[in-house]
């Protein structure tokens, strides 16, 4: 899908802000505009939160690069995304977790570190296989939503799982000529509920409505 540059800027800002805010980053939407579009650091912004927003921009740029979008989804793409997102933030960037972790606000147990590498290989292979079997756009959204829930329950990295998972989700949608899905920070509780209850069907219905609305936003930018 060819996206207008103005929409890409808009998408980068909103996605970076909301996805980071879901993980308790306190940088505001206007401050995110300053960082991403104007390369200006607002006053009294913590260095860690600044890096979270700045890194998110570079991870998005990597995934939305035409060369990356044309490639088959592989483990290399996933690990590079995590490496970019965690740059300057975590020493295990681009590597799977070595200690047990959990999802804050959720009651399920994540995959053990010793089982993570094999589980993730199966996860990536399963997505690639199922994507190859369908060319029907209506089937892509349920597949992406189901895979996202599986990813978050695996929780393969020491940090950055939510942001990486949502980035990959949008990479897969855009790769299949669908509008992206931006989960606003105000919908965090509902989103966590989908993950906790493994409600792939409910998440898909939610995503379909959001993606339809996002497509209208893209069209409004094309009309400018």
Protein backbone atom coordinates (compact mmCIF):
# COMPACT_ATOMS: atom_id res chain seq x y z
CA UNK A 1 0.00 0.00 0.00
CA UNK A 2 1.40 3.37 -1.07
CA UNK A 3 0.97 5.78 1.82
CA UNK A 4 1.09 9.60 1.51
CA UNK A 5 4.10 11.08 3.31
CA UNK A 6 1.87 13.30 5.44
CA UNK A 7 0.01 10.22 6.63
CA UNK A 8 3.28 8.39 7.33
CA UNK A 9 4.36 11.27 9.57
CA UNK A 10 0.97 11.20 11.28
CA UNK A 11 1.16 7.41 11.71
CA UNK A 12 4.69 7.51 13.12
CA UNK A 13 3.68 10.08 15.74
CA UNK A 14 0.44 8.44 16.84
CA UNK A 15 1.82 4.90 16.85
CA UNK A 16 4.97 5.87 18.74
CA UNK A 17 3.01 7.87 21.30
CA UNK A 18 0.20 5.41 22.01
CA UNK A 19 2.25 2.21 21.89
CA UNK A 20 4.80 3.71 24.28
CA UNK A 21 2.08 5.18 26.52
CA UNK A 22 0.53 1.72 26.89
CA UNK A 23 3.86 0.80 28.49
CA UNK A 24 3.59 3.83 30.84
CA UNK A 25 5.73 6.30 28.88
CA UNK A 26 4.54 9.78 29.96
CA UNK A 27 5.64 11.81 26.92
CA UNK A 28 2.60 13.60 25.49
CA UNK A 29 1.38 13.56 21.90
CA UNK A 30 2.58 17.15 21.20
CA UNK A 31 5.98 16.26 22.70
CA UNK A 32 6.10 13.19 20.45
CA UNK A 33 5.51 15.49 17.47
CA UNK A 34 8.50 17.59 18.54
CA UNK A 35 10.76 14.54 18.89
CA UNK A 36 9.78 12.68 15.73
CA UNK A 37 8.95 15.44 13.25
CA UNK A 38 11.18 18.28 14.46
CA UNK A 39 14.05 16.42 16.18
CA UNK A 40 13.53 18.69 19.16
CA UNK A 41 13.78 17.47 22.75
CA UNK A 42 11.06 18.95 24.98
CA UNK A 43 11.97 20.29 28.41
CA UNK A 44 11.98 17.94 31.41
CA UNK A 45 11.71 14.73 29.37
CA UNK A 46 13.55 11.79 30.90
CA UNK A 47 16.34 10.29 28.82
CA UNK A 48 14.85 6.80 28.93
CA UNK A 49 11.44 7.95 27.76
CA UNK A 50 13.05 10.02 25.02
CA UNK A 51 14.96 6.97 23.78
CA UNK A 52 11.76 4.91 23.83
CA UNK A 53 10.04 7.36 21.48
CA UNK A 54 13.11 7.96 19.32
CA UNK A 55 13.88 4.26 18.97
CA UNK A 56 10.27 3.51 18.08
CA UNK A 57 10.61 5.88 15.12
CA UNK A 58 13.66 4.00 13.79
CA UNK A 59 12.04 0.60 14.28
CA UNK A 60 8.99 1.79 12.33
CA UNK A 61 11.17 3.21 9.57
CA UNK A 62 12.90 -0.17 9.24
CA UNK A 63 9.63 -2.12 9.02
CA UNK A 64 7.97 0.33 6.61
CA UNK A 65 10.96 0.42 4.29
CA UNK A 66 9.79 -0.99 0.91
CA UNK A 67 12.64 -3.53 0.93
CA UNK A 68 11.55 -4.85 4.33
CA UNK A 69 7.88 -4.96 3.34
CA UNK A 70 8.72 -6.99 0.24
CA UNK A 71 10.70 -9.58 2.19
CA UNK A 72 9.15 -12.68 3.68
CA UNK A 73 8.64 -12.29 7.42
CA UNK A 74 11.60 -13.95 9.14
CA UNK A 75 13.21 -14.20 12.55
CA UNK A 76 15.87 -11.73 11.35
CA UNK A 77 13.21 -9.05 10.83
CA UNK A 78 11.77 -9.66 14.29
CA UNK A 79 15.16 -9.52 16.03
CA UNK A 80 16.28 -6.43 14.12
CA UNK A 81 13.05 -4.68 15.12
CA UNK A 82 13.70 -5.47 18.77
CA UNK A 83 17.33 -4.39 18.47
CA UNK A 84 16.33 -1.00 17.08
CA UNK A 85 13.59 -0.53 19.65
CA UNK A 86 15.86 -1.37 22.60
CA UNK A 87 18.92 0.56 21.41
CA UNK A 88 20.47 2.46 24.37
CA UNK A 89 17.86 0.87 26.65
CA UNK A 90 18.69 -2.80 27.20
CA UNK A 91 21.85 -4.90 26.94
CA UNK A 92 19.89 -7.89 25.58
CA UNK A 93 18.51 -6.03 22.57
CA UNK A 94 17.91 -8.31 19.61
CA UNK A 95 18.13 -11.39 21.84
CA UNK A 96 15.54 -13.59 23.52
CA UNK A 97 15.00 -13.42 27.28
CA UNK A 98 17.25 -15.29 29.68
CA UNK A 99 15.03 -14.88 32.75
CA UNK A 100 11.36 -15.49 33.47
CA UNK A 101 9.10 -12.48 32.81
CA UNK A 102 5.40 -11.65 32.93
CA UNK A 103 2.73 -9.36 31.48
CA UNK A 104 1.70 -6.69 33.97
CA UNK A 105 -2.02 -6.88 34.63
CA UNK A 106 -2.35 -10.38 33.16
CA UNK A 107 -2.72 -13.66 35.05
CA UNK A 108 -1.16 -16.12 32.57
CA UNK A 109 2.43 -17.41 32.67
CA UNK A 110 4.73 -16.61 29.77
CA UNK A 111 6.95 -19.12 27.97
CA UNK A 112 10.03 -20.30 29.88
CA UNK A 113 13.36 -18.86 28.65
CA UNK A 114 14.65 -22.36 27.83
CA UNK A 115 11.69 -22.93 25.50
CA UNK A 116 11.49 -19.46 23.95
CA UNK A 117 13.82 -19.87 20.95
CA UNK A 118 12.07 -22.98 19.60
CA UNK A 119 8.62 -21.58 20.35
CA UNK A 120 9.45 -18.40 18.44
CA UNK A 121 10.78 -20.32 15.45
CA UNK A 122 7.46 -22.16 15.34
CA UNK A 123 5.57 -18.87 15.73
CA UNK A 124 7.37 -17.22 12.79
CA UNK A 125 7.06 -20.33 10.60
CA UNK A 126 3.35 -20.61 11.38
CA UNK A 127 2.68 -17.01 10.35
CA UNK A 128 4.64 -17.37 7.11
CA UNK A 129 2.87 -20.63 6.28
CA UNK A 130 -0.62 -19.30 6.96
CA UNK A 131 0.05 -16.03 5.12
CA UNK A 132 1.15 -18.01 2.07
CA UNK A 133 -2.10 -19.97 2.11
CA UNK A 134 -4.42 -16.99 1.92
CA UNK A 135 -4.78 -14.02 -0.38
CA UNK A 136 -8.10 -12.96 1.11
CA UNK A 137 -7.74 -9.74 3.08
CA UNK A 138 -10.65 -10.61 5.36
CA UNK A 139 -8.65 -13.61 6.60
CA UNK A 140 -5.51 -11.59 7.33
CA UNK A 141 -6.86 -9.55 10.24
CA UNK A 142 -7.95 -12.61 12.31
CA UNK A 143 -4.60 -14.25 11.58
CA UNK A 144 -2.64 -11.18 12.65
CA UNK A 145 -4.72 -10.72 15.81
CA UNK A 146 -4.45 -14.37 16.81
CA UNK A 147 -0.68 -14.33 16.18
CA UNK A 148 -0.30 -11.15 18.24
CA UNK A 149 -2.03 -12.72 21.23
CA UNK A 150 0.25 -15.76 20.91
CA UNK A 151 3.33 -13.50 20.73
CA UNK A 152 2.40 -11.53 23.84
CA UNK A 153 1.72 -14.72 25.78
CA UNK A 154 5.14 -16.06 24.77
CA UNK A 155 6.69 -12.70 25.77
CA UNK A 156 10.03 -13.63 24.16
CA UNK A 157 12.14 -10.62 25.18
CA UNK A 158 13.31 -9.25 28.51
CA UNK A 159 11.72 -5.89 27.63
CA UNK A 160 9.83 -4.29 24.73
CA UNK A 161 7.45 -7.17 24.00
CA UNK A 162 4.30 -5.07 23.72
CA UNK A 163 5.85 -2.45 21.46
CA UNK A 164 7.58 -5.04 19.24
CA UNK A 165 4.43 -7.11 19.02
CA UNK A 166 2.34 -4.12 17.93
CA UNK A 167 5.01 -3.07 15.41
CA UNK A 168 5.11 -6.54 13.85
CA UNK A 169 1.32 -6.64 13.80
CA UNK A 170 1.27 -3.46 11.70
CA UNK A 171 4.12 -4.68 9.51
CA UNK A 172 2.03 -7.75 8.66
CA UNK A 173 -1.09 -5.66 7.98
CA UNK A 174 0.73 -3.17 5.73
CA UNK A 175 2.54 -6.02 4.00
CA UNK A 176 -0.91 -7.30 3.00
CA UNK A 177 -2.16 -3.88 1.83
CA UNK A 178 -4.28 -3.26 4.90
CA UNK A 179 -4.36 -0.09 6.98
CA UNK A 180 -2.49 -0.28 10.30
CA UNK A 181 -4.00 -0.81 13.73
CA UNK A 182 -3.22 1.83 16.36
CA UNK A 183 -4.36 0.88 19.84
CA UNK A 184 -4.84 4.12 21.76
CA UNK A 185 -3.59 4.34 25.34
CA UNK A 186 -7.18 4.93 26.47
CA UNK A 187 -8.02 1.41 25.27
CA UNK A 188 -5.22 -0.30 27.18
CA UNK A 189 -7.54 -2.12 29.60
CA UNK A 190 -9.64 -3.56 26.78
CA UNK A 191 -6.52 -4.58 24.86
CA UNK A 192 -5.00 -6.35 27.89
CA UNK A 193 -8.32 -8.15 28.38
CA UNK A 194 -8.09 -9.58 24.85
CA UNK A 195 -4.59 -10.86 25.61
CA UNK A 196 -5.43 -12.25 29.05
CA UNK A 197 -8.53 -14.11 27.88
CA UNK A 198 -7.04 -15.14 24.52
CA UNK A 199 -10.11 -13.60 22.89
CA UNK A 200 -8.84 -13.65 19.31
CA UNK A 201 -12.37 -13.33 17.92
CA UNK A 202 -13.16 -10.26 20.00
CA UNK A 203 -9.78 -8.73 19.22
CA UNK A 204 -10.37 -9.32 15.49
CA UNK A 205 -13.75 -7.58 15.57
CA UNK A 206 -12.20 -4.67 17.45
CA UNK A 207 -9.29 -4.53 14.98
CA UNK A 208 -11.54 -4.63 11.90
CA UNK A 209 -13.42 -1.54 13.06
CA UNK A 210 -10.22 0.32 13.92
CA UNK A 211 -8.56 -0.62 10.62
CA UNK A 212 -11.63 0.49 8.65
CA UNK A 213 -11.51 3.84 10.44
CA UNK A 214 -7.75 4.12 9.78
CA UNK A 215 -8.31 3.48 6.07
CA UNK A 216 -10.66 6.46 5.97
CA UNK A 217 -7.93 8.53 7.64
CA UNK A 218 -5.46 7.46 4.95
CA UNK A 219 -7.96 8.45 2.24
CA UNK A 220 -8.42 11.87 3.85
CA UNK A 221 -4.67 12.48 3.53
CA UNK A 222 -4.76 11.37 -0.10
CA UNK A 223 -7.48 13.91 -0.75
CA UNK A 224 -5.41 16.84 0.52
